[in-house]
N, C-alpha and C. Protein backbone atom coordinates (compact mmCIF):
# COMPACT_ATOMS: atom_id res chain seq x y z
N MET A 1 -11.93 16.90 -10.22
CA MET A 1 -11.01 16.02 -9.45
C MET A 1 -10.36 16.76 -8.27
N TYR A 2 -10.21 16.08 -7.31
CA TYR A 2 -9.51 16.47 -6.05
C TYR A 2 -8.28 15.53 -5.95
N GLN A 3 -7.20 16.23 -5.65
CA GLN A 3 -5.87 15.41 -5.48
C GLN A 3 -5.13 15.88 -4.34
N LYS A 4 -4.54 15.00 -3.58
CA LYS A 4 -3.67 15.33 -2.47
C LYS A 4 -2.67 14.16 -2.28
N GLU A 5 -1.45 14.68 -1.94
CA GLU A 5 -0.33 13.67 -1.65
C GLU A 5 -0.06 13.67 -0.12
N PHE A 6 0.39 12.54 0.36
CA PHE A 6 0.93 12.53 1.73
C PHE A 6 2.03 11.50 1.72
N SER A 7 2.84 11.72 2.85
CA SER A 7 4.02 10.78 3.07
C SER A 7 3.82 10.09 4.32
N ILE A 8 4.37 8.87 4.43
CA ILE A 8 4.40 8.12 5.58
C ILE A 8 5.73 7.45 5.75
N ILE A 9 6.26 7.36 6.89
CA ILE A 9 7.52 6.53 7.19
C ILE A 9 7.09 5.16 7.67
N THR A 10 7.41 4.17 6.88
CA THR A 10 7.11 2.79 7.25
C THR A 10 8.02 2.32 8.38
N ALA A 11 7.53 1.25 9.04
CA ALA A 11 8.34 0.61 10.12
C ALA A 11 9.31 -0.34 9.57
N GLY A 12 9.48 -0.52 8.32
CA GLY A 12 10.30 -1.58 7.69
C GLY A 12 9.32 -2.57 7.12
N GLN A 13 9.93 -3.71 6.69
CA GLN A 13 9.12 -4.80 6.08
C GLN A 13 7.80 -5.16 6.82
N GLY A 14 6.75 -5.12 6.09
CA GLY A 14 5.42 -5.44 6.59
C GLY A 14 4.35 -4.47 6.16
N LEU A 15 3.17 -4.58 6.76
CA LEU A 15 2.00 -3.85 6.31
C LEU A 15 1.75 -2.64 7.27
N THR A 16 1.41 -1.50 6.67
CA THR A 16 1.23 -0.20 7.53
C THR A 16 -0.21 0.22 7.04
N GLU A 17 -1.24 0.25 7.93
CA GLU A 17 -2.58 0.78 7.44
C GLU A 17 -2.60 2.26 7.23
N ILE A 18 -3.18 2.65 6.04
CA ILE A 18 -3.37 4.06 5.74
C ILE A 18 -4.82 4.39 5.54
N THR A 19 -5.76 3.54 5.91
CA THR A 19 -7.14 3.72 5.61
C THR A 19 -7.66 5.10 6.09
N SER A 20 -7.34 5.42 7.38
CA SER A 20 -7.87 6.69 7.97
C SER A 20 -7.42 7.85 7.28
N LYS A 21 -6.13 7.87 6.77
CA LYS A 21 -5.58 8.96 6.00
C LYS A 21 -6.26 9.15 4.72
N VAL A 22 -6.52 8.03 4.04
CA VAL A 22 -7.22 8.09 2.73
C VAL A 22 -8.65 8.51 2.94
N ARG A 23 -9.29 7.98 4.04
CA ARG A 23 -10.68 8.32 4.36
C ARG A 23 -10.84 9.89 4.51
N ASP A 24 -9.79 10.46 5.27
CA ASP A 24 -9.82 11.96 5.52
C ASP A 24 -9.73 12.67 4.25
N ILE A 25 -8.96 12.24 3.33
CA ILE A 25 -8.81 12.99 2.04
C ILE A 25 -10.07 12.97 1.25
N VAL A 26 -10.70 11.72 1.25
CA VAL A 26 -12.01 11.60 0.54
C VAL A 26 -13.03 12.57 1.09
N TYR A 27 -13.06 12.64 2.43
CA TYR A 27 -14.02 13.47 3.03
C TYR A 27 -13.72 14.89 2.70
N GLU A 28 -12.48 15.29 2.75
CA GLU A 28 -12.05 16.70 2.38
C GLU A 28 -12.44 17.09 0.94
N SER A 29 -12.52 16.09 0.08
CA SER A 29 -12.74 16.32 -1.36
C SER A 29 -14.12 16.71 -1.59
N LYS A 30 -15.04 16.55 -0.58
CA LYS A 30 -16.45 16.89 -0.68
C LYS A 30 -17.23 16.30 -1.90
N LYS A 31 -16.61 15.23 -2.40
CA LYS A 31 -17.23 14.43 -3.46
C LYS A 31 -18.17 13.45 -2.79
N GLU A 32 -19.50 13.46 -3.10
CA GLU A 32 -20.51 12.56 -2.55
C GLU A 32 -20.41 11.12 -3.11
N ARG A 33 -20.12 11.02 -4.40
CA ARG A 33 -20.06 9.80 -5.02
C ARG A 33 -18.96 9.77 -6.07
N GLY A 34 -18.31 8.68 -6.26
CA GLY A 34 -17.27 8.63 -7.27
C GLY A 34 -16.27 7.56 -7.07
N LEU A 35 -15.03 7.86 -7.42
CA LEU A 35 -14.05 6.82 -7.26
C LEU A 35 -12.71 7.51 -6.61
N CYS A 36 -12.07 6.69 -5.85
CA CYS A 36 -10.78 7.17 -5.22
C CYS A 36 -9.69 6.24 -5.75
N ASN A 37 -8.73 6.93 -6.32
CA ASN A 37 -7.48 6.15 -6.86
C ASN A 37 -6.36 6.52 -5.78
N ILE A 38 -5.71 5.45 -5.25
CA ILE A 38 -4.62 5.59 -4.37
C ILE A 38 -3.34 5.00 -5.08
N PHE A 39 -2.36 5.73 -5.16
CA PHE A 39 -1.19 5.37 -5.95
C PHE A 39 0.12 5.60 -5.08
N ILE A 40 0.94 4.68 -5.08
CA ILE A 40 2.22 4.71 -4.33
C ILE A 40 3.34 4.89 -5.42
N LYS A 41 4.25 5.91 -5.01
CA LYS A 41 5.22 6.36 -6.05
C LYS A 41 6.52 5.61 -5.83
N HIS A 42 6.52 4.34 -5.73
CA HIS A 42 7.73 3.61 -5.43
C HIS A 42 7.70 2.27 -6.09
N THR A 43 8.91 1.59 -6.28
CA THR A 43 8.96 0.25 -6.82
C THR A 43 9.50 -0.75 -5.95
N SER A 44 9.56 -0.47 -4.66
CA SER A 44 9.92 -1.51 -3.66
C SER A 44 8.98 -1.43 -2.44
N ALA A 45 7.79 -0.93 -2.71
CA ALA A 45 6.66 -0.99 -1.79
C ALA A 45 5.44 -1.02 -2.64
N SER A 46 4.26 -1.54 -2.10
CA SER A 46 3.06 -1.61 -2.92
C SER A 46 1.89 -1.29 -2.04
N LEU A 47 0.71 -1.45 -2.58
CA LEU A 47 -0.57 -1.18 -1.91
C LEU A 47 -1.40 -2.49 -1.93
N LEU A 48 -2.15 -2.63 -0.82
CA LEU A 48 -3.06 -3.77 -0.71
C LEU A 48 -4.42 -3.40 -0.01
N ILE A 49 -5.47 -4.02 -0.42
CA ILE A 49 -6.62 -3.93 0.43
C ILE A 49 -6.70 -5.33 1.07
N GLN A 50 -6.81 -5.29 2.42
CA GLN A 50 -6.68 -6.52 3.17
C GLN A 50 -7.46 -6.40 4.39
N GLU A 51 -7.57 -7.49 5.07
CA GLU A 51 -8.31 -7.57 6.40
C GLU A 51 -7.56 -6.65 7.38
N ASN A 52 -8.36 -5.86 8.16
CA ASN A 52 -7.73 -4.98 9.12
C ASN A 52 -8.08 -5.36 10.55
N ALA A 53 -8.70 -6.51 10.68
CA ALA A 53 -9.21 -6.91 12.08
C ALA A 53 -8.13 -7.77 12.87
N SER A 54 -7.35 -8.54 12.12
CA SER A 54 -6.42 -9.51 12.58
C SER A 54 -5.04 -9.21 12.14
N SER A 55 -4.07 -8.90 13.13
CA SER A 55 -2.72 -8.71 12.74
C SER A 55 -2.02 -10.02 12.30
N GLU A 56 -2.75 -11.21 12.57
CA GLU A 56 -2.12 -12.50 12.11
C GLU A 56 -2.18 -12.60 10.67
N VAL A 57 -3.32 -12.07 10.05
CA VAL A 57 -3.41 -12.02 8.56
C VAL A 57 -2.24 -11.40 7.94
N LEU A 58 -2.00 -10.14 8.50
CA LEU A 58 -0.90 -9.25 7.97
C LEU A 58 0.50 -10.02 8.06
N GLU A 59 0.70 -10.67 9.21
CA GLU A 59 1.93 -11.33 9.41
C GLU A 59 2.07 -12.65 8.51
N ASP A 60 0.89 -13.35 8.37
CA ASP A 60 1.03 -14.49 7.41
C ASP A 60 1.24 -14.01 6.02
N LEU A 61 0.65 -12.87 5.58
CA LEU A 61 0.95 -12.48 4.19
C LEU A 61 2.41 -12.07 4.01
N ASN A 62 3.00 -11.38 4.99
CA ASN A 62 4.41 -11.07 4.89
C ASN A 62 5.27 -12.23 4.92
N ASN A 63 4.94 -13.29 5.72
CA ASN A 63 5.75 -14.47 5.71
C ASN A 63 5.57 -15.23 4.49
N PHE A 64 4.32 -15.27 3.82
CA PHE A 64 4.21 -15.95 2.57
C PHE A 64 5.10 -15.33 1.53
N PHE A 65 5.08 -13.96 1.42
CA PHE A 65 5.89 -13.40 0.43
C PHE A 65 7.42 -13.59 0.64
N LYS A 66 7.84 -13.82 1.89
CA LYS A 66 9.25 -14.16 2.10
C LYS A 66 9.59 -15.46 1.59
N ILE A 67 8.69 -16.39 1.61
CA ILE A 67 8.90 -17.69 1.10
C ILE A 67 8.80 -17.68 -0.44
N LEU A 68 7.80 -16.95 -0.99
CA LEU A 68 7.58 -16.88 -2.45
C LEU A 68 8.74 -16.22 -3.12
N VAL A 69 9.38 -15.16 -2.50
CA VAL A 69 10.38 -14.45 -3.12
C VAL A 69 11.55 -14.36 -2.15
N PRO A 70 12.48 -15.44 -2.15
CA PRO A 70 13.53 -15.40 -1.13
C PRO A 70 14.60 -14.34 -1.38
N GLU A 71 15.22 -13.89 -0.36
CA GLU A 71 16.26 -12.88 -0.42
C GLU A 71 17.56 -13.42 -0.95
N ASP A 72 17.79 -14.76 -0.71
CA ASP A 72 19.05 -15.37 -1.15
C ASP A 72 18.97 -15.90 -2.60
N GLY A 73 18.10 -15.38 -3.41
CA GLY A 73 18.08 -15.72 -4.76
C GLY A 73 19.31 -15.19 -5.52
N ASN A 74 19.56 -15.68 -6.59
CA ASN A 74 20.72 -15.33 -7.44
C ASN A 74 20.33 -14.17 -8.33
N TYR A 75 20.17 -13.03 -7.66
CA TYR A 75 19.69 -11.77 -8.43
C TYR A 75 20.91 -10.98 -8.93
N ILE A 76 20.76 -10.46 -10.09
CA ILE A 76 21.83 -9.68 -10.75
C ILE A 76 21.78 -8.29 -10.06
N HIS A 77 20.65 -7.72 -9.89
CA HIS A 77 20.58 -6.37 -9.23
C HIS A 77 20.72 -6.47 -7.78
N ASN A 78 21.79 -5.98 -7.19
CA ASN A 78 22.01 -6.10 -5.76
C ASN A 78 22.81 -4.88 -5.19
N GLU A 79 22.91 -3.82 -5.97
CA GLU A 79 23.70 -2.56 -5.54
C GLU A 79 23.13 -1.99 -4.18
N GLU A 80 21.86 -2.12 -4.07
CA GLU A 80 21.16 -1.42 -2.89
C GLU A 80 20.89 -2.40 -1.76
N GLY A 81 21.44 -3.52 -1.77
CA GLY A 81 21.33 -4.50 -0.74
C GLY A 81 20.54 -5.79 -1.14
N PRO A 82 20.64 -6.74 -0.26
CA PRO A 82 20.02 -8.06 -0.68
C PRO A 82 18.55 -8.15 -0.62
N ASP A 83 17.92 -7.07 -0.03
CA ASP A 83 16.47 -7.04 0.14
C ASP A 83 15.87 -6.24 -1.05
N ASP A 84 16.72 -5.57 -1.90
CA ASP A 84 16.20 -4.67 -2.87
C ASP A 84 15.48 -5.38 -4.06
N MET A 85 16.18 -6.35 -4.78
CA MET A 85 15.57 -7.00 -5.86
C MET A 85 14.41 -7.76 -5.45
N PRO A 86 14.40 -8.46 -4.33
CA PRO A 86 13.19 -9.18 -3.90
C PRO A 86 12.02 -8.25 -3.69
N ALA A 87 12.33 -7.00 -3.23
CA ALA A 87 11.33 -6.03 -3.04
C ALA A 87 10.72 -5.58 -4.42
N HIS A 88 11.56 -5.44 -5.40
CA HIS A 88 11.04 -5.13 -6.72
C HIS A 88 10.06 -6.26 -7.32
N ILE A 89 10.54 -7.47 -6.99
CA ILE A 89 9.64 -8.64 -7.44
C ILE A 89 8.33 -8.69 -6.76
N LYS A 90 8.34 -8.42 -5.44
CA LYS A 90 7.12 -8.40 -4.64
C LYS A 90 6.27 -7.31 -5.10
N ASN A 91 6.79 -6.15 -5.46
CA ASN A 91 6.03 -4.93 -6.00
C ASN A 91 5.35 -5.41 -7.33
N ALA A 92 6.08 -6.15 -8.20
CA ALA A 92 5.53 -6.56 -9.42
C ALA A 92 4.38 -7.57 -9.25
N LEU A 93 4.32 -8.28 -8.14
CA LEU A 93 3.32 -9.29 -7.89
C LEU A 93 2.06 -8.75 -7.17
N THR A 94 2.21 -7.48 -6.75
CA THR A 94 1.09 -6.80 -6.03
C THR A 94 0.67 -5.59 -6.81
N GLU A 95 0.24 -4.54 -6.22
CA GLU A 95 -0.30 -3.36 -6.83
C GLU A 95 0.36 -2.09 -6.43
N THR A 96 0.47 -1.11 -7.38
CA THR A 96 0.98 0.16 -7.07
C THR A 96 -0.21 1.22 -7.00
N SER A 97 -1.32 0.76 -7.46
CA SER A 97 -2.55 1.58 -7.54
C SER A 97 -3.81 0.82 -7.15
N LEU A 98 -4.71 1.52 -6.37
CA LEU A 98 -5.98 0.92 -5.91
C LEU A 98 -7.11 1.80 -6.38
N LEU A 99 -8.23 1.30 -6.71
CA LEU A 99 -9.42 2.03 -6.97
C LEU A 99 -10.57 1.57 -6.06
N VAL A 100 -11.07 2.58 -5.26
CA VAL A 100 -12.10 2.21 -4.33
C VAL A 100 -13.32 3.20 -4.60
N PRO A 101 -14.53 2.62 -4.53
CA PRO A 101 -15.76 3.51 -4.77
C PRO A 101 -16.03 4.41 -3.60
N ILE A 102 -16.66 5.55 -3.89
CA ILE A 102 -17.01 6.49 -2.86
C ILE A 102 -18.56 6.58 -2.80
N ASN A 103 -19.08 6.55 -1.64
CA ASN A 103 -20.53 6.69 -1.41
C ASN A 103 -20.78 7.56 -0.22
N GLU A 104 -21.39 8.75 -0.40
CA GLU A 104 -21.68 9.66 0.67
C GLU A 104 -20.44 10.15 1.38
N ARG A 105 -19.48 10.53 0.64
CA ARG A 105 -18.16 11.08 1.09
C ARG A 105 -17.37 10.12 1.95
N GLU A 106 -17.64 8.78 1.77
CA GLU A 106 -16.96 7.74 2.44
C GLU A 106 -16.42 6.71 1.53
N LEU A 107 -15.25 6.04 1.85
CA LEU A 107 -14.79 4.89 1.09
C LEU A 107 -15.92 3.73 1.31
N ASP A 108 -16.34 3.24 0.22
CA ASP A 108 -17.35 2.15 0.20
C ASP A 108 -16.65 0.83 0.24
N MET A 109 -16.15 0.51 1.41
CA MET A 109 -15.33 -0.77 1.59
C MET A 109 -16.08 -1.73 2.60
N GLY A 110 -15.69 -2.96 2.63
CA GLY A 110 -16.32 -3.87 3.46
C GLY A 110 -15.83 -3.68 4.87
N THR A 111 -16.57 -4.31 5.82
CA THR A 111 -16.35 -4.06 7.31
C THR A 111 -14.92 -4.39 7.68
N TRP A 112 -14.39 -5.38 7.22
CA TRP A 112 -12.97 -5.79 7.63
C TRP A 112 -11.96 -5.41 6.65
N GLN A 113 -12.22 -4.58 5.67
CA GLN A 113 -11.20 -4.20 4.68
C GLN A 113 -10.47 -2.87 5.10
N GLY A 114 -9.15 -2.94 4.90
CA GLY A 114 -8.37 -1.67 5.11
C GLY A 114 -7.39 -1.59 4.03
N ILE A 115 -6.93 -0.36 3.84
CA ILE A 115 -5.84 -0.05 2.80
C ILE A 115 -4.46 -0.04 3.45
N PHE A 116 -3.56 -0.70 2.91
CA PHE A 116 -2.32 -0.87 3.49
C PHE A 116 -1.13 -0.57 2.50
N ILE A 117 -0.02 0.06 3.09
CA ILE A 117 1.23 0.08 2.30
C ILE A 117 1.92 -1.21 2.67
N PHE A 118 2.43 -1.97 1.59
CA PHE A 118 3.10 -3.16 1.90
C PHE A 118 4.55 -2.92 1.65
N GLU A 119 5.27 -2.61 2.68
CA GLU A 119 6.73 -2.27 2.60
C GLU A 119 7.53 -3.62 2.39
N HIS A 120 8.34 -3.66 1.27
CA HIS A 120 9.06 -4.81 0.93
C HIS A 120 10.54 -4.74 1.38
N ARG A 121 11.03 -3.59 1.83
CA ARG A 121 12.34 -3.42 2.24
C ARG A 121 12.44 -3.65 3.74
N HIS A 122 13.69 -3.94 4.27
CA HIS A 122 13.86 -4.06 5.75
C HIS A 122 13.75 -2.80 6.51
N SER A 123 14.51 -1.79 6.00
CA SER A 123 14.66 -0.56 6.70
C SER A 123 13.29 0.32 6.59
N LYS A 124 13.27 1.36 7.45
CA LYS A 124 12.24 2.31 7.40
C LYS A 124 12.41 3.14 6.15
N PHE A 125 11.36 3.51 5.48
CA PHE A 125 11.47 4.32 4.26
C PHE A 125 10.27 5.30 4.26
N LYS A 126 10.63 6.49 3.74
CA LYS A 126 9.55 7.55 3.59
C LYS A 126 8.82 7.16 2.25
N ARG A 127 7.55 6.90 2.24
CA ARG A 127 6.72 6.48 1.16
C ARG A 127 5.69 7.58 0.79
N ASN A 128 5.68 8.00 -0.47
CA ASN A 128 4.76 9.04 -0.95
C ASN A 128 3.56 8.40 -1.62
N ILE A 129 2.41 8.83 -1.19
CA ILE A 129 1.11 8.32 -1.68
C ILE A 129 0.27 9.42 -2.33
N ASN A 130 -0.13 9.25 -3.47
CA ASN A 130 -1.03 10.24 -4.16
C ASN A 130 -2.42 9.73 -4.16
N VAL A 131 -3.36 10.50 -3.69
CA VAL A 131 -4.80 10.17 -3.69
C VAL A 131 -5.60 11.11 -4.62
N SER A 132 -6.32 10.51 -5.62
CA SER A 132 -7.15 11.35 -6.51
C SER A 132 -8.60 10.89 -6.32
N VAL A 133 -9.41 11.85 -6.22
CA VAL A 133 -10.86 11.65 -6.06
C VAL A 133 -11.54 12.11 -7.24
N PHE A 134 -12.36 11.28 -7.89
CA PHE A 134 -13.10 11.64 -9.08
C PHE A 134 -14.58 11.51 -8.80
N GLU A 135 -15.37 12.41 -9.34
CA GLU A 135 -16.80 12.41 -9.20
C GLU A 135 -17.42 11.75 -10.40
């Protein structure tokens, strides 16, 4: 197994693509075939595989989640601000871990697929991502 962690500062609520960073780690691993596990170490952000060709898709996803999980809900947990509990709910509805096949030291993904951090909080946050590559 090859494992590496990296951090990224998000721009606030929305999606940030990390495909190239994960791709570089897979290549560094020198694993020809196997699986790549990507894990985010947070409960108010998540991971998605989504279309990376149109920013409209990303904007629509973010807007959909704002409707699905309103910030003005009657949440008990609110010490960290009105966007915190909705962020935890959005995290619960999405993924904190992704598994992607590897073929010839490359992520074996579709043409329009990208790996994204889905930041659920309004502010910028430093997010830690663990990438494990298995043969």
